[in-house]
Amino acid sequence: MHDYVKNLAKVVRAAREEDHLSQAALAEQIGCDEQEAAEILSAIEYLLALIHKGGNSNE
């Protein structure tokens, strides 16, 4: 996993914890269940990887 993907996960978790939210509470706030919230983060990580790869013609 690339560093920028790990950093995204850390930033999201830190922001959630700063607001004293569990993953389930965050999911409830955005109107989905906990599994969907995890899938959203995975999708964002995948999109970041595609963007990074697309921006680097050497890969």
Protein backbone atom coordinates (compact mmCIF):
# COMPACT_ATOMS: atom_id res chain seq x y z
CA MET A 1 0.00 0.00 0.00
CA HIS A 2 1.34 3.45 -0.92
CA ASP A 3 2.18 5.95 1.79
CA TYR A 4 -0.48 8.42 0.61
CA VAL A 5 -3.18 5.76 1.04
CA LYS A 6 -1.94 4.96 4.54
CA ASN A 7 -1.87 8.68 5.30
CA LEU A 8 -5.48 9.08 4.14
CA ALA A 9 -6.59 6.31 6.47
CA LYS A 10 -4.67 7.93 9.34
CA VAL A 11 -6.18 11.36 8.66
CA VAL A 12 -9.73 10.00 8.48
CA ARG A 13 -9.26 8.00 11.68
CA ALA A 14 -7.65 10.93 13.51
CA ALA A 15 -10.50 13.27 12.52
CA ARG A 16 -13.08 10.70 13.58
CA GLU A 17 -11.36 10.13 16.92
CA GLU A 18 -10.91 13.87 17.48
CA ASP A 19 -14.69 14.17 17.27
CA HIS A 20 -15.01 11.15 19.61
CA LEU A 21 -16.86 9.12 16.96
CA SER A 22 -16.73 5.39 16.53
CA GLN A 23 -16.79 4.02 13.00
CA ALA A 24 -20.42 3.04 13.59
CA ALA A 25 -21.33 6.55 14.79
CA LEU A 26 -19.65 8.11 11.76
CA ALA A 27 -21.50 5.74 9.47
CA GLU A 28 -24.79 6.69 11.11
CA GLN A 29 -24.02 10.40 10.64
CA ILE A 30 -23.39 9.97 6.92
CA GLY A 31 -26.46 7.78 6.51
CA CYS A 32 -25.02 4.33 5.94
CA ASP A 33 -24.03 1.27 7.92
CA GLU A 34 -20.53 0.54 9.20
CA GLN A 35 -19.71 -1.82 6.31
CA GLU A 36 -20.72 0.78 3.73
CA ALA A 37 -18.53 3.39 5.46
CA ALA A 38 -15.55 1.03 5.23
CA GLU A 39 -16.33 0.39 1.56
CA ILE A 40 -16.47 4.14 0.88
CA LEU A 41 -12.98 4.58 2.35
CA SER A 42 -11.72 1.62 0.29
CA ALA A 43 -13.19 3.16 -2.86
CA ILE A 44 -11.51 6.49 -2.11
CA GLU A 45 -8.19 4.73 -1.54
CA TYR A 46 -8.59 2.93 -4.89
CA LEU A 47 -9.39 6.19 -6.69
CA LEU A 48 -6.35 7.87 -5.15
CA ALA A 49 -4.17 5.02 -6.39
CA LEU A 50 -5.60 5.44 -9.91
CA ILE A 51 -5.06 9.19 -9.83
CA HIS A 52 -1.50 8.75 -8.59
CA LYS A 53 -0.73 6.17 -11.27
CA GLY A 54 -2.34 8.29 -13.99
CA GLY A 55 -0.26 11.29 -12.99
CA ASN A 56 2.99 9.34 -13.27
CA SER A 57 3.67 8.21 -16.83
CA ASN A 58 6.64 6.14 -15.62
CA GLU A 59 4.39 3.55 -13.94
